Amino acid sequence: MTDISVTCLQRLPIYLNYLKTLDGDGFISSGAIARALGMGEVLVRKDLAYTAAQGKSRVGYKKSELISALEDFLGCNNKENAVLIGAGGIGSALLAYGGFKNYGIELAAAFDSDDKKVGTEISGKPVFSMSQLKEKIKELGASLAVICVPASVAQTVADELCTCGVKAILNFAPVLLRVKDGVTVRNIDVAANLAILSSISVHKN
């Protein structure tokens, strides 16, 4: 992939989602996108330049072509299997979420240490034992994983995933993970983000 910053990559799906809410298939300028999303026009133009989209001077981008360019760049038209570790509350909700398919990702299976869950299905996705992790990840060809386990065991799970060949981890456990070179981790701490929002709200009043 082109050398692109993580913050830019985070903005591209925002543009894509916004464009999909628009009716018709006319032209839209980077300035119009920027105004709608509360961003700077120069920033939007630079971000879109990473894609294959070709805008026209004083006209902008044809909406359908820009959507296609964003989807191609983000790999939405590919299919990549991912696995989930920890089929509890958050894990079960993610298994039921259908939005991953919009980005070419199939959350194909879950793994859990609870014998009562192993062998069942959650939202049509099979739940396997942790002892089957390496075997099933190889079978599914999964290079992505989602961790939804308690903080106390998250590092152990991450270590296991790395030995199984997983290259990217989305971590919902409230702990920073240490992984080997070549493995990318994105941390999603829901409680911490709510605390930040609460603090902002308090200080605004």
N, C-alpha and C. Protein backbone atom coordinates (compact mmCIF):
# COMPACT_ATOMS: atom_id res chain seq x y z
N MET A 1 0.84 -1.20 0.00
CA MET A 1 0.00 0.00 0.00
C MET A 1 0.87 1.24 0.00
N THR A 2 0.39 2.29 -0.65
CA THR A 2 1.09 3.57 -0.67
C THR A 2 1.39 4.01 0.76
N ASP A 3 2.53 4.69 0.95
CA ASP A 3 2.89 5.20 2.27
C ASP A 3 1.87 6.26 2.69
N ILE A 4 1.00 5.90 3.60
CA ILE A 4 -0.09 6.77 4.00
C ILE A 4 -0.20 6.73 5.52
N SER A 5 -0.51 7.85 6.13
CA SER A 5 -0.59 7.91 7.59
C SER A 5 -1.84 7.18 8.09
N VAL A 6 -1.77 6.74 9.34
CA VAL A 6 -2.91 6.06 9.95
C VAL A 6 -4.10 7.01 10.06
N THR A 7 -3.83 8.28 10.39
CA THR A 7 -4.93 9.24 10.53
C THR A 7 -5.66 9.46 9.21
N CYS A 8 -4.91 9.44 8.12
CA CYS A 8 -5.54 9.57 6.80
C CYS A 8 -6.39 8.33 6.51
N LEU A 9 -5.86 7.16 6.80
CA LEU A 9 -6.62 5.93 6.59
C LEU A 9 -7.91 5.93 7.40
N GLN A 10 -7.87 6.54 8.57
CA GLN A 10 -9.07 6.60 9.40
C GLN A 10 -10.13 7.52 8.80
N ARG A 11 -9.69 8.51 8.02
CA ARG A 11 -10.64 9.44 7.42
C ARG A 11 -11.29 8.89 6.16
N LEU A 12 -10.60 8.05 5.42
CA LEU A 12 -11.13 7.56 4.14
C LEU A 12 -12.49 6.85 4.30
N PRO A 13 -12.68 5.99 5.30
CA PRO A 13 -14.02 5.39 5.45
C PRO A 13 -15.09 6.41 5.78
N ILE A 14 -14.71 7.52 6.42
CA ILE A 14 -15.68 8.58 6.73
C ILE A 14 -16.18 9.20 5.43
N TYR A 15 -15.26 9.46 4.51
CA TYR A 15 -15.65 10.01 3.20
C TYR A 15 -16.56 9.01 2.47
N LEU A 16 -16.17 7.75 2.51
CA LEU A 16 -16.93 6.72 1.80
C LEU A 16 -18.35 6.62 2.36
N ASN A 17 -18.47 6.57 3.66
CA ASN A 17 -19.80 6.46 4.28
C ASN A 17 -20.67 7.68 3.96
N TYR A 18 -20.04 8.85 3.96
CA TYR A 18 -20.80 10.07 3.65
C TYR A 18 -21.30 10.05 2.21
N LEU A 19 -20.43 9.68 1.28
CA LEU A 19 -20.81 9.65 -0.13
C LEU A 19 -21.96 8.69 -0.39
N LYS A 20 -21.99 7.59 0.35
CA LYS A 20 -23.04 6.60 0.16
C LYS A 20 -24.40 7.08 0.67
N THR A 21 -24.41 8.15 1.46
CA THR A 21 -25.69 8.69 1.93
C THR A 21 -26.31 9.64 0.92
N LEU A 22 -25.54 10.05 -0.08
CA LEU A 22 -26.02 11.04 -1.04
C LEU A 22 -26.83 10.39 -2.16
N ASP A 23 -27.89 11.05 -2.56
CA ASP A 23 -28.71 10.56 -3.66
C ASP A 23 -28.11 10.96 -5.00
N GLY A 24 -28.47 10.22 -6.04
CA GLY A 24 -28.03 10.59 -7.38
C GLY A 24 -26.58 10.25 -7.62
N ASP A 25 -26.11 10.60 -8.82
CA ASP A 25 -24.73 10.31 -9.20
C ASP A 25 -24.13 11.50 -9.94
N GLY A 26 -24.24 12.65 -9.33
CA GLY A 26 -23.64 13.83 -9.93
C GLY A 26 -22.20 13.99 -9.52
N PHE A 27 -21.71 15.22 -9.63
CA PHE A 27 -20.34 15.53 -9.25
C PHE A 27 -20.34 16.18 -7.87
N ILE A 28 -19.27 15.93 -7.13
CA ILE A 28 -19.12 16.53 -5.82
C ILE A 28 -17.67 16.97 -5.65
N SER A 29 -17.47 18.14 -5.11
CA SER A 29 -16.12 18.68 -4.95
C SER A 29 -15.54 18.33 -3.58
N SER A 30 -14.23 18.42 -3.49
CA SER A 30 -13.58 18.18 -2.19
C SER A 30 -14.04 19.23 -1.18
N GLY A 31 -14.34 20.44 -1.67
CA GLY A 31 -14.82 21.49 -0.79
C GLY A 31 -16.18 21.16 -0.21
N ALA A 32 -17.06 20.58 -1.02
CA ALA A 32 -18.39 20.20 -0.55
C ALA A 32 -18.29 19.09 0.50
N ILE A 33 -17.40 18.15 0.25
CA ILE A 33 -17.19 17.06 1.22
C ILE A 33 -16.65 17.64 2.53
N ALA A 34 -15.69 18.54 2.41
CA ALA A 34 -15.09 19.14 3.59
C ALA A 34 -16.12 19.89 4.43
N ARG A 35 -16.95 20.67 3.77
CA ARG A 35 -17.97 21.45 4.50
C ARG A 35 -18.97 20.53 5.20
N ALA A 36 -19.36 19.47 4.51
CA ALA A 36 -20.35 18.55 5.08
C ALA A 36 -19.81 17.82 6.30
N LEU A 37 -18.52 17.57 6.30
CA LEU A 37 -17.91 16.79 7.39
C LEU A 37 -17.15 17.64 8.40
N GLY A 38 -17.15 18.97 8.17
CA GLY A 38 -16.46 19.85 9.10
C GLY A 38 -14.95 19.70 9.05
N MET A 39 -14.41 19.47 7.87
CA MET A 39 -12.97 19.30 7.69
C MET A 39 -12.42 20.39 6.78
N GLY A 40 -11.12 20.44 6.66
CA GLY A 40 -10.48 21.41 5.76
C GLY A 40 -10.46 20.89 4.34
N GLU A 41 -10.70 21.77 3.38
CA GLU A 41 -10.75 21.34 1.98
C GLU A 41 -9.42 20.79 1.50
N VAL A 42 -8.32 21.45 1.89
CA VAL A 42 -7.00 20.99 1.46
C VAL A 42 -6.73 19.59 1.99
N LEU A 43 -7.13 19.34 3.24
CA LEU A 43 -6.94 18.02 3.86
C LEU A 43 -7.70 16.95 3.09
N VAL A 44 -8.96 17.23 2.76
CA VAL A 44 -9.77 16.27 2.02
C VAL A 44 -9.16 16.00 0.66
N ARG A 45 -8.73 17.05 -0.02
CA ARG A 45 -8.15 16.88 -1.36
C ARG A 45 -6.88 16.02 -1.30
N LYS A 46 -6.05 16.25 -0.28
CA LYS A 46 -4.82 15.46 -0.14
C LYS A 46 -5.14 14.00 0.17
N ASP A 47 -6.14 13.79 1.00
CA ASP A 47 -6.53 12.41 1.33
C ASP A 47 -7.01 11.67 0.10
N LEU A 48 -7.87 12.31 -0.68
CA LEU A 48 -8.43 11.66 -1.87
C LEU A 48 -7.38 11.41 -2.95
N ALA A 49 -6.29 12.17 -2.89
CA ALA A 49 -5.22 12.01 -3.88
C ALA A 49 -4.52 10.66 -3.74
N TYR A 50 -4.66 10.02 -2.58
CA TYR A 50 -4.07 8.68 -2.40
C TYR A 50 -4.81 7.62 -3.20
N THR A 51 -6.05 7.90 -3.56
CA THR A 51 -6.84 6.94 -4.32
C THR A 51 -6.66 7.18 -5.82
N ALA A 52 -7.31 6.35 -6.61
CA ALA A 52 -7.21 6.50 -8.07
C ALA A 52 -8.26 7.46 -8.63
N ALA A 53 -8.99 8.12 -7.75
CA ALA A 53 -10.05 9.04 -8.20
C ALA A 53 -9.46 10.21 -8.97
N GLN A 54 -10.10 10.55 -10.08
CA GLN A 54 -9.65 11.66 -10.92
C GLN A 54 -10.72 12.77 -10.90
N GLY A 55 -10.43 13.83 -10.18
CA GLY A 55 -11.36 14.95 -10.14
C GLY A 55 -11.16 15.89 -11.32
N LYS A 56 -12.20 16.64 -11.65
CA LYS A 56 -12.12 17.61 -12.74
C LYS A 56 -12.11 19.01 -12.16
N SER A 57 -11.26 19.85 -12.70
CA SER A 57 -11.14 21.22 -12.22
C SER A 57 -12.47 21.94 -12.27
N ARG A 58 -12.84 22.59 -11.18
CA ARG A 58 -14.06 23.38 -11.03
C ARG A 58 -15.35 22.53 -11.06
N VAL A 59 -15.18 21.23 -11.15
CA VAL A 59 -16.35 20.35 -11.19
C VAL A 59 -16.35 19.38 -10.01
N GLY A 60 -15.20 18.75 -9.80
CA GLY A 60 -15.08 17.80 -8.70
C GLY A 60 -15.02 16.37 -9.19
N TYR A 61 -15.49 15.47 -8.37
CA TYR A 61 -15.44 14.04 -8.66
C TYR A 61 -16.84 13.52 -8.97
N LYS A 62 -16.93 12.60 -9.92
CA LYS A 62 -18.20 11.91 -10.14
C LYS A 62 -18.40 10.97 -8.94
N LYS A 63 -19.54 11.07 -8.31
CA LYS A 63 -19.74 10.37 -7.04
C LYS A 63 -19.47 8.87 -7.15
N SER A 64 -20.03 8.20 -8.15
CA SER A 64 -19.87 6.75 -8.27
C SER A 64 -18.40 6.36 -8.46
N GLU A 65 -17.66 7.19 -9.22
CA GLU A 65 -16.25 6.89 -9.46
C GLU A 65 -15.43 7.09 -8.20
N LEU A 66 -15.78 8.10 -7.41
CA LEU A 66 -15.05 8.35 -6.17
C LEU A 66 -15.33 7.24 -5.16
N ILE A 67 -16.58 6.79 -5.10
CA ILE A 67 -16.92 5.67 -4.21
C ILE A 67 -16.12 4.43 -4.59
N SER A 68 -16.07 4.14 -5.89
CA SER A 68 -15.33 2.96 -6.37
C SER A 68 -13.84 3.07 -6.03
N ALA A 69 -13.29 4.28 -6.20
CA ALA A 69 -11.87 4.49 -5.92
C ALA A 69 -11.56 4.29 -4.43
N LEU A 70 -12.46 4.78 -3.58
CA LEU A 70 -12.28 4.62 -2.14
C LEU A 70 -12.41 3.15 -1.74
N GLU A 71 -13.40 2.47 -2.30
CA GLU A 71 -13.60 1.05 -1.99
C GLU A 71 -12.40 0.22 -2.44
N ASP A 72 -11.87 0.53 -3.62
CA ASP A 72 -10.70 -0.21 -4.11
C ASP A 72 -9.50 0.02 -3.19
N PHE A 73 -9.29 1.28 -2.78
CA PHE A 73 -8.13 1.60 -1.95
C PHE A 73 -8.24 0.93 -0.58
N LEU A 74 -9.46 0.89 -0.04
CA LEU A 74 -9.67 0.31 1.29
C LEU A 74 -9.82 -1.21 1.26
N GLY A 75 -9.83 -1.78 0.06
CA GLY A 75 -9.94 -3.23 -0.05
C GLY A 75 -11.32 -3.76 0.20
N CYS A 76 -12.33 -2.92 0.02
CA CYS A 76 -13.72 -3.33 0.29
C CYS A 76 -14.19 -4.44 -0.64
N ASN A 77 -13.57 -4.55 -1.80
CA ASN A 77 -14.00 -5.55 -2.78
C ASN A 77 -13.25 -6.87 -2.62
N ASN A 78 -12.31 -6.90 -1.67
CA ASN A 78 -11.61 -8.14 -1.38
C ASN A 78 -12.42 -8.91 -0.33
N LYS A 79 -12.03 -10.12 -0.05
CA LYS A 79 -12.63 -10.86 1.05
C LYS A 79 -11.52 -11.38 1.94
N GLU A 80 -11.55 -10.96 3.19
CA GLU A 80 -10.54 -11.38 4.15
C GLU A 80 -11.23 -11.90 5.41
N ASN A 81 -10.83 -13.08 5.82
CA ASN A 81 -11.42 -13.67 7.02
C ASN A 81 -10.75 -13.16 8.28
N ALA A 82 -11.57 -12.95 9.31
CA ALA A 82 -11.07 -12.55 10.62
C ALA A 82 -11.68 -13.47 11.66
N VAL A 83 -11.00 -13.58 12.81
CA VAL A 83 -11.53 -14.39 13.91
C VAL A 83 -11.66 -13.52 15.14
N LEU A 84 -12.53 -13.95 16.05
CA LEU A 84 -12.78 -13.20 17.28
C LEU A 84 -12.48 -14.08 18.49
N ILE A 85 -11.77 -13.52 19.45
CA ILE A 85 -11.44 -14.26 20.66
C ILE A 85 -12.20 -13.65 21.83
N GLY A 86 -13.06 -14.46 22.46
CA GLY A 86 -13.84 -13.98 23.59
C GLY A 86 -15.27 -13.68 23.20
N ALA A 87 -16.13 -14.70 23.26
CA ALA A 87 -17.51 -14.55 22.79
C ALA A 87 -18.44 -14.14 23.93
N GLY A 88 -18.05 -13.11 24.68
CA GLY A 88 -18.88 -12.57 25.75
C GLY A 88 -19.82 -11.50 25.21
N GLY A 89 -20.08 -10.48 26.03
CA GLY A 89 -21.02 -9.44 25.64
C GLY A 89 -20.58 -8.67 24.40
N ILE A 90 -19.39 -8.06 24.46
CA ILE A 90 -18.89 -7.29 23.32
C ILE A 90 -18.64 -8.21 22.13
N GLY A 91 -18.04 -9.36 22.39
CA GLY A 91 -17.75 -10.29 21.30
C GLY A 91 -19.00 -10.74 20.58
N SER A 92 -20.04 -11.06 21.33
CA SER A 92 -21.30 -11.51 20.72
C SER A 92 -21.93 -10.40 19.88
N ALA A 93 -21.84 -9.17 20.38
CA ALA A 93 -22.38 -8.03 19.63
C ALA A 93 -21.64 -7.85 18.32
N LEU A 94 -20.32 -8.02 18.33
CA LEU A 94 -19.54 -7.87 17.11
C LEU A 94 -19.84 -8.99 16.12
N LEU A 95 -20.07 -10.18 16.63
CA LEU A 95 -20.42 -11.30 15.74
C LEU A 95 -21.75 -11.05 15.04
N ALA A 96 -22.64 -10.30 15.70
CA ALA A 96 -23.95 -10.00 15.11
C ALA A 96 -23.91 -8.80 14.17
N TYR A 97 -22.83 -8.04 14.23
CA TYR A 97 -22.72 -6.82 13.43
C TYR A 97 -22.40 -7.16 11.98
N GLY A 98 -23.19 -6.65 11.07
CA GLY A 98 -23.01 -6.98 9.65
C GLY A 98 -22.15 -6.00 8.87
N GLY A 99 -21.68 -4.93 9.52
CA GLY A 99 -20.95 -3.88 8.80
C GLY A 99 -19.57 -4.26 8.33
N PHE A 100 -19.00 -5.33 8.88
CA PHE A 100 -17.65 -5.72 8.45
C PHE A 100 -17.62 -6.07 6.97
N LYS A 101 -18.72 -6.63 6.48
CA LYS A 101 -18.77 -7.05 5.07
C LYS A 101 -18.65 -5.87 4.12
N ASN A 102 -19.04 -4.68 4.60
CA ASN A 102 -18.92 -3.48 3.75
C ASN A 102 -17.47 -3.16 3.42
N TYR A 103 -16.56 -3.70 4.22
CA TYR A 103 -15.13 -3.44 4.01
C TYR A 103 -14.39 -4.71 3.61
N GLY A 104 -15.13 -5.70 3.11
CA GLY A 104 -14.50 -6.91 2.61
C GLY A 104 -14.00 -7.85 3.69
N ILE A 105 -14.51 -7.71 4.91
CA ILE A 105 -14.05 -8.54 6.03
C ILE A 105 -15.18 -9.46 6.50
N GLU A 106 -14.87 -10.72 6.64
CA GLU A 106 -15.82 -11.71 7.14
C GLU A 106 -15.35 -12.19 8.51
N LEU A 107 -16.13 -11.86 9.55
CA LEU A 107 -15.83 -12.37 10.88
C LEU A 107 -16.31 -13.81 10.91
N ALA A 108 -15.39 -14.73 10.63
CA ALA A 108 -15.77 -16.10 10.27
C ALA A 108 -16.01 -17.03 11.43
N ALA A 109 -15.36 -16.77 12.57
CA ALA A 109 -15.49 -17.70 13.70
C ALA A 109 -15.07 -17.02 14.98
N ALA A 110 -15.50 -17.62 16.10
CA ALA A 110 -15.11 -17.12 17.41
C ALA A 110 -14.44 -18.25 18.19
N PHE A 111 -13.66 -17.84 19.21
CA PHE A 111 -12.99 -18.81 20.08
C PHE A 111 -13.24 -18.39 21.52
N ASP A 112 -13.45 -19.37 22.38
CA ASP A 112 -13.73 -19.06 23.78
C ASP A 112 -13.25 -20.22 24.66
N SER A 113 -12.96 -19.88 25.93
CA SER A 113 -12.50 -20.90 26.88
C SER A 113 -13.65 -21.51 27.66
N ASP A 114 -14.87 -20.99 27.47
CA ASP A 114 -16.04 -21.48 28.18
C ASP A 114 -16.61 -22.69 27.45
N ASP A 115 -16.56 -23.85 28.09
CA ASP A 115 -17.04 -25.09 27.46
C ASP A 115 -18.51 -25.01 27.06
N LYS A 116 -19.28 -24.18 27.76
CA LYS A 116 -20.70 -24.06 27.44
C LYS A 116 -20.93 -23.35 26.10
N LYS A 117 -19.97 -22.54 25.69
CA LYS A 117 -20.09 -21.82 24.42
C LYS A 117 -19.48 -22.59 23.25
N VAL A 118 -18.44 -23.36 23.56
CA VAL A 118 -17.75 -24.12 22.51
C VAL A 118 -18.71 -25.13 21.86
N GLY A 119 -18.73 -25.14 20.55
CA GLY A 119 -19.60 -26.04 19.82
C GLY A 119 -20.95 -25.43 19.46
N THR A 120 -21.19 -24.21 19.96
CA THR A 120 -22.44 -23.52 19.63
C THR A 120 -22.19 -22.53 18.49
N GLU A 121 -23.22 -21.80 18.11
CA GLU A 121 -23.09 -20.72 17.14
C GLU A 121 -23.65 -19.44 17.71
N ILE A 122 -23.04 -18.33 17.37
CA ILE A 122 -23.54 -17.00 17.76
C ILE A 122 -23.72 -16.20 16.48
N SER A 123 -24.96 -15.82 16.20
CA SER A 123 -25.28 -15.11 14.95
C SER A 123 -24.77 -15.87 13.73
N GLY A 124 -24.89 -17.20 13.80
CA GLY A 124 -24.50 -18.03 12.67
C GLY A 124 -23.01 -18.31 12.58
N LYS A 125 -22.21 -17.80 13.53
CA LYS A 125 -20.77 -18.01 13.51
C LYS A 125 -20.38 -19.08 14.53
N PRO A 126 -19.59 -20.07 14.14
CA PRO A 126 -19.21 -21.15 15.06
C PRO A 126 -18.27 -20.67 16.15
N VAL A 127 -18.43 -21.25 17.33
CA VAL A 127 -17.54 -20.94 18.45
C VAL A 127 -16.67 -22.17 18.73
N PHE A 128 -15.37 -22.00 18.60
CA PHE A 128 -14.42 -23.09 18.79
C PHE A 128 -13.68 -22.94 20.11
N SER A 129 -13.05 -24.02 20.53
CA SER A 129 -12.22 -24.01 21.73
C SER A 129 -10.90 -23.30 21.43
N MET A 130 -10.31 -22.68 22.45
CA MET A 130 -9.01 -22.03 22.27
C MET A 130 -7.94 -23.02 21.84
N SER A 131 -8.13 -24.31 22.19
CA SER A 131 -7.16 -25.32 21.80
C SER A 131 -7.14 -25.55 20.29
N GLN A 132 -8.18 -25.07 19.60
CA GLN A 132 -8.28 -25.23 18.15
C GLN A 132 -7.81 -23.99 17.39
N LEU A 133 -7.29 -23.01 18.12
CA LEU A 133 -6.97 -21.71 17.52
C LEU A 133 -6.05 -21.82 16.30
N LYS A 134 -4.91 -22.47 16.47
CA LYS A 134 -3.94 -22.55 15.38
C LYS A 134 -4.50 -23.30 14.18
N GLU A 135 -5.16 -24.40 14.46
CA GLU A 135 -5.73 -25.24 13.40
C GLU A 135 -6.78 -24.48 12.59
N LYS A 136 -7.69 -23.79 13.27
CA LYS A 136 -8.79 -23.12 12.59
C LYS A 136 -8.34 -21.84 11.88
N ILE A 137 -7.40 -21.12 12.47
CA ILE A 137 -6.89 -19.92 11.80
C ILE A 137 -6.22 -20.29 10.49
N LYS A 138 -5.48 -21.39 10.50
CA LYS A 138 -4.84 -21.86 9.26
C LYS A 138 -5.90 -22.30 8.25
N GLU A 139 -6.91 -23.02 8.76
CA GLU A 139 -7.98 -23.51 7.89
C GLU A 139 -8.76 -22.37 7.24
N LEU A 140 -9.00 -21.30 8.01
CA LEU A 140 -9.77 -20.16 7.52
C LEU A 140 -8.91 -19.17 6.74
N GLY A 141 -7.60 -19.30 6.86
CA GLY A 141 -6.71 -18.35 6.20
C GLY A 141 -6.86 -16.95 6.78
N ALA A 142 -7.11 -16.85 8.08
CA ALA A 142 -7.37 -15.56 8.72
C ALA A 142 -6.07 -14.87 9.11
N SER A 143 -5.96 -13.61 8.73
CA SER A 143 -4.78 -12.83 9.12
C SER A 143 -5.17 -11.69 10.06
N LEU A 144 -6.47 -11.55 10.33
CA LEU A 144 -6.98 -10.52 11.23
C LEU A 144 -7.66 -11.17 12.43
N ALA A 145 -7.56 -10.51 13.59
CA ALA A 145 -8.21 -11.04 14.78
C ALA A 145 -8.73 -9.91 15.64
N VAL A 146 -9.81 -10.21 16.37
CA VAL A 146 -10.41 -9.26 17.31
C VAL A 146 -10.33 -9.88 18.70
N ILE A 147 -9.76 -9.14 19.64
CA ILE A 147 -9.63 -9.63 21.02
C ILE A 147 -10.68 -8.97 21.89
N CYS A 148 -11.52 -9.79 22.53
CA CYS A 148 -12.57 -9.30 23.44
C CYS A 148 -12.54 -10.08 24.75
N VAL A 149 -11.35 -10.23 25.29
CA VAL A 149 -11.18 -11.00 26.53
C VAL A 149 -10.80 -10.06 27.67
N PRO A 150 -10.85 -10.53 28.92
CA PRO A 150 -10.41 -9.69 30.04
C PRO A 150 -8.95 -9.29 29.92
N ALA A 151 -8.62 -8.15 30.51
CA ALA A 151 -7.25 -7.62 30.41
C ALA A 151 -6.21 -8.61 30.91
N SER A 152 -6.58 -9.41 31.90
CA SER A 152 -5.62 -10.32 32.53
C SER A 152 -5.11 -11.41 31.59
N VAL A 153 -5.86 -11.71 30.56
CA VAL A 153 -5.43 -12.77 29.63
C VAL A 153 -5.19 -12.26 28.22
N ALA A 154 -5.38 -10.97 27.99
CA ALA A 154 -5.27 -10.41 26.64
C ALA A 154 -3.88 -10.59 26.05
N GLN A 155 -2.83 -10.38 26.84
CA GLN A 155 -1.47 -10.51 26.31
C GLN A 155 -1.18 -11.95 25.91
N THR A 156 -1.64 -12.90 26.71
CA THR A 156 -1.45 -14.32 26.38
C THR A 156 -2.15 -14.66 25.06
N VAL A 157 -3.36 -14.13 24.89
CA VAL A 157 -4.10 -14.36 23.65
C VAL A 157 -3.36 -13.74 22.47
N ALA A 158 -2.86 -12.52 22.66
CA ALA A 158 -2.13 -11.84 21.58
C ALA A 158 -0.89 -12.64 21.19
N ASP A 159 -0.19 -13.19 22.19
CA ASP A 159 1.00 -14.00 21.90
C ASP A 159 0.63 -15.23 21.07
N GLU A 160 -0.48 -15.86 21.42
CA GLU A 160 -0.94 -17.04 20.68
C GLU A 160 -1.30 -16.68 19.25
N LEU A 161 -1.98 -15.54 19.08
CA LEU A 161 -2.37 -15.11 17.75
C LEU A 161 -1.14 -14.85 16.87
N CYS A 162 -0.13 -14.26 17.47
CA CYS A 162 1.11 -13.97 16.71
C CYS A 162 1.77 -15.27 16.24
N THR A 163 1.76 -16.29 17.08
CA THR A 163 2.37 -17.57 16.68
C THR A 163 1.54 -18.26 15.62
N CYS A 164 0.27 -17.88 15.51
CA CYS A 164 -0.63 -18.48 14.50
C CYS A 164 -0.55 -17.75 13.16
N GLY A 165 0.25 -16.70 13.08
CA GLY A 165 0.42 -16.00 11.81
C GLY A 165 -0.50 -14.82 11.61
N VAL A 166 -1.24 -14.42 12.65
CA VAL A 166 -2.11 -13.24 12.53
C VAL A 166 -1.26 -11.99 12.38
N LYS A 167 -1.64 -11.11 11.47
CA LYS A 167 -0.84 -9.92 11.17
C LYS A 167 -1.44 -8.62 11.70
N ALA A 168 -2.71 -8.64 12.11
CA ALA A 168 -3.34 -7.42 12.62
C ALA A 168 -4.37 -7.79 13.67
N ILE A 169 -4.39 -7.01 14.76
CA ILE A 169 -5.27 -7.29 15.90
C ILE A 169 -6.05 -6.04 16.27
N LEU A 170 -7.36 -6.20 16.41
CA LEU A 170 -8.21 -5.14 16.95
C LEU A 170 -8.48 -5.53 18.40
N ASN A 171 -7.99 -4.72 19.33
CA ASN A 171 -8.01 -5.08 20.74
C ASN A 171 -9.03 -4.28 21.54
N PHE A 172 -10.04 -4.97 22.09
CA PHE A 172 -11.04 -4.34 22.93
C PHE A 172 -10.72 -4.50 24.41
N ALA A 173 -9.68 -5.24 24.74
CA ALA A 173 -9.29 -5.40 26.15
C ALA A 173 -8.61 -4.11 26.63
N PRO A 174 -8.90 -3.67 27.86
CA PRO A 174 -8.32 -2.40 28.36
C PRO A 174 -6.88 -2.56 28.82
N VAL A 175 -6.02 -2.92 27.88
CA VAL A 175 -4.60 -3.10 28.19
C VAL A 175 -3.81 -2.93 26.89
N LEU A 176 -2.61 -2.36 27.00
CA LEU A 176 -1.76 -2.21 25.83
C LEU A 176 -1.02 -3.51 25.57
N LEU A 177 -1.08 -3.99 24.36
CA LEU A 177 -0.47 -5.26 24.00
C LEU A 177 0.92 -5.09 23.41
N ARG A 178 1.78 -6.03 23.70
CA ARG A 178 3.11 -6.06 23.11
C ARG A 178 3.12 -7.18 22.07
N VAL A 179 3.43 -6.82 20.83
CA VAL A 179 3.44 -7.82 19.76
C VAL A 179 4.76 -7.73 19.00
N LYS A 180 5.05 -8.78 18.27
CA LYS A 180 6.31 -8.82 17.52
C LYS A 180 6.24 -7.91 16.31
N ASP A 181 7.40 -7.59 15.76
CA ASP A 181 7.46 -6.76 14.56
C ASP A 181 6.67 -7.41 13.43
N GLY A 182 5.96 -6.57 12.67
CA GLY A 182 5.18 -7.07 11.56
C GLY A 182 3.72 -7.30 11.91
N VAL A 183 3.38 -7.14 13.20
CA VAL A 183 1.98 -7.29 13.63
C VAL A 183 1.47 -5.92 14.08
N THR A 184 0.33 -5.54 13.57
CA THR A 184 -0.27 -4.23 13.89
C THR A 184 -1.40 -4.40 14.90
N VAL A 185 -1.45 -3.50 15.88
CA VAL A 185 -2.51 -3.54 16.90
C VAL A 185 -3.24 -2.20 16.92
N ARG A 186 -4.58 -2.28 16.93
CA ARG A 186 -5.41 -1.09 17.15
C ARG A 186 -6.19 -1.32 18.44
N ASN A 187 -6.05 -0.38 19.38
CA ASN A 187 -6.70 -0.52 20.68
C ASN A 187 -8.00 0.27 20.73
N ILE A 188 -9.08 -0.39 21.15
CA ILE A 188 -10.38 0.26 21.31
C ILE A 188 -10.81 0.12 22.76
N ASP A 189 -10.58 1.16 23.56
CA ASP A 189 -10.97 1.15 24.97
C ASP A 189 -12.26 1.95 25.10
N VAL A 190 -13.39 1.26 25.12
CA VAL A 190 -14.69 1.92 25.14
C VAL A 190 -14.85 2.77 26.39
N ALA A 191 -14.49 2.23 27.56
CA ALA A 191 -14.65 2.96 28.82
C ALA A 191 -13.80 4.22 28.84
N ALA A 192 -12.56 4.13 28.36
CA ALA A 192 -11.67 5.29 28.35
C ALA A 192 -12.21 6.38 27.44
N ASN A 193 -12.75 5.99 26.30
CA ASN A 193 -13.31 6.98 25.37
C ASN A 193 -14.55 7.66 25.95
N LEU A 194 -15.37 6.90 26.67
CA LEU A 194 -16.53 7.50 27.34
C LEU A 194 -16.08 8.47 28.43
N ALA A 195 -15.01 8.11 29.14
CA ALA A 195 -14.48 8.99 30.18
C ALA A 195 -13.99 10.31 29.58
N ILE A 196 -13.36 10.22 28.40
CA ILE A 196 -12.88 11.43 27.73
C ILE A 196 -14.06 12.31 27.35
N LEU A 197 -15.11 11.69 26.79
CA LEU A 197 -16.30 12.46 26.41
C LEU A 197 -16.96 13.08 27.64
N SER A 198 -17.00 12.35 28.74
CA SER A 198 -17.58 12.88 29.97
C SER A 198 -16.79 14.08 30.47
N SER A 199 -15.46 13.97 30.40
CA SER A 199 -14.60 15.06 30.85
C SER A 199 -14.80 16.31 30.00
N ILE A 200 -14.89 16.11 28.68
CA ILE A 200 -15.12 17.23 27.76
C ILE A 200 -16.45 17.91 28.08
N SER A 201 -17.47 17.07 28.31
CA SER A 201 -18.80 17.61 28.63
C SER A 201 -18.78 18.44 29.91
N VAL A 202 -18.09 17.93 30.93
CA VAL A 202 -18.01 18.64 32.22
C VAL A 202 -17.32 19.98 32.08
N HIS A 203 -16.22 19.99 31.33
CA HIS A 203 -15.42 21.21 31.21
C HIS A 203 -16.09 22.25 30.30
N LYS A 204 -17.04 21.80 29.47
CA LYS A 204 -17.77 22.73 28.63
C LYS A 204 -18.82 23.48 29.42
N ASN A 205 -19.30 22.88 30.51
CA ASN A 205 -20.37 23.47 31.31
C ASN A 205 -19.82 24.46 32.33
